[in-house]
Amino acid sequence: MSTAVTVLIGTLDGAGIDGSVDELVVAAAASRSMLVDAQAPLVARLHDQPADFAATNALQQLYRALARVDRGPPVVPVQSKAKRGRPAHS
């Protein structure tokens, strides 16, 4: 886990639970991938300790932050230059 993700999760623990989602987006530098990377450790904490309410609240904030961060441009499949059914020129 990268240091940036560890710091991001740290902002969610303890006092960070009541912080605004906007501050979380700023802490992640609006990086969707960083927010997604922070998800796995929180889910693991909840799997180990289902009554971990701090992790539950942190995960809720994380999902709200993910909803605010742009997903980026959609991926468009690259089309082949060769047309099907037509012989290639030699």
Protein backbone atom coordinates (compact mmCIF):
# COMPACT_ATOMS: atom_id res chain seq x y z
CA MET A 1 0.00 0.00 0.00
CA SER A 2 1.43 3.37 -0.98
CA THR A 3 2.24 6.05 1.56
CA ALA A 4 -0.34 8.38 0.00
CA VAL A 5 -3.08 5.78 0.48
CA THR A 6 -2.00 5.22 4.08
CA VAL A 7 -2.18 8.97 4.73
CA LEU A 8 -5.58 9.11 3.05
CA ILE A 9 -6.93 6.34 5.28
CA GLY A 10 -5.41 8.17 8.26
CA THR A 11 -7.52 11.21 7.46
CA LEU A 12 -10.59 8.99 7.72
CA ASP A 13 -9.72 7.53 11.14
CA GLY A 14 -10.59 9.17 14.43
CA ALA A 15 -11.29 12.87 14.09
CA GLY A 16 -11.38 12.60 10.30
CA ILE A 17 -14.65 10.65 10.43
CA ASP A 18 -16.68 13.82 10.94
CA GLY A 19 -14.69 15.75 8.31
CA SER A 20 -16.27 16.79 5.08
CA VAL A 21 -16.13 14.66 1.97
CA ASP A 22 -14.70 17.66 0.11
CA GLU A 23 -11.65 17.56 2.38
CA LEU A 24 -11.23 13.89 1.57
CA VAL A 25 -11.29 14.64 -2.16
CA VAL A 26 -8.65 17.32 -1.59
CA ALA A 27 -6.52 14.92 0.50
CA ALA A 28 -6.65 12.45 -2.39
CA ALA A 29 -5.78 15.24 -4.85
CA ALA A 30 -9.00 14.32 -6.71
CA SER A 31 -7.37 11.02 -7.64
CA ARG A 32 -10.00 8.37 -8.22
CA SER A 33 -7.38 5.61 -8.19
CA MET A 34 -6.11 6.71 -4.77
CA LEU A 35 -9.63 6.63 -3.36
CA VAL A 36 -10.21 3.18 -4.87
CA ASP A 37 -6.90 1.94 -3.40
CA ALA A 38 -7.99 3.16 0.04
CA GLN A 39 -11.11 1.01 -0.15
CA ALA A 40 -9.49 -2.44 0.23
CA PRO A 41 -7.85 -1.87 3.65
CA LEU A 42 -11.11 -0.51 5.05
CA VAL A 43 -13.06 -3.49 3.74
CA ALA A 44 -10.43 -5.80 5.27
CA ARG A 45 -10.82 -4.04 8.63
CA LEU A 46 -14.57 -4.56 8.49
CA HIS A 47 -14.12 -8.20 7.56
CA ASP A 48 -11.87 -8.73 10.59
CA GLN A 49 -13.95 -6.57 12.97
CA PRO A 50 -17.57 -6.18 11.84
CA ALA A 51 -18.29 -3.80 14.72
CA ASP A 52 -15.59 -1.33 13.61
CA PHE A 53 -17.86 1.69 13.28
CA ALA A 54 -14.95 4.01 12.48
CA ALA A 55 -14.14 1.89 9.42
CA THR A 56 -17.82 1.81 8.47
CA ASN A 57 -18.07 5.60 8.62
CA ALA A 58 -14.77 5.99 6.78
CA LEU A 59 -15.96 3.69 4.00
CA GLN A 60 -19.18 5.69 3.68
CA GLN A 61 -17.18 8.90 3.32
CA LEU A 62 -14.92 7.22 0.81
CA TYR A 63 -17.88 6.19 -1.36
CA ARG A 64 -19.28 9.74 -1.20
CA ALA A 65 -15.89 11.10 -2.27
CA LEU A 66 -15.73 8.61 -5.15
CA ALA A 67 -19.11 9.86 -6.33
CA ARG A 68 -17.71 13.41 -6.50
CA VAL A 69 -14.52 12.61 -8.39
CA ASP A 70 -14.67 12.48 -12.17
CA ARG A 71 -14.41 9.05 -13.70
CA GLY A 72 -12.41 10.31 -16.66
CA PRO A 73 -13.11 9.82 -20.32
CA PRO A 74 -14.84 6.60 -21.35
CA VAL A 75 -12.70 3.93 -22.96
CA VAL A 76 -13.52 3.52 -26.65
CA PRO A 77 -12.38 0.31 -28.37
CA VAL A 78 -9.87 0.84 -31.16
CA GLN A 79 -11.16 -0.26 -34.53
CA SER A 80 -8.93 -2.10 -36.92
CA LYS A 81 -8.00 -0.25 -40.12
CA ALA A 82 -8.65 -3.37 -42.19
CA LYS A 83 -12.25 -3.92 -43.22
CA ARG A 84 -13.71 -7.36 -42.69
CA GLY A 85 -14.63 -9.30 -45.78
CA ARG A 86 -12.37 -7.33 -48.10
CA PRO A 87 -9.00 -8.69 -49.21
CA ALA A 88 -5.96 -6.70 -48.16
CA HIS A 89 -4.07 -4.93 -50.95
CA SER A 90 -0.63 -6.25 -51.69
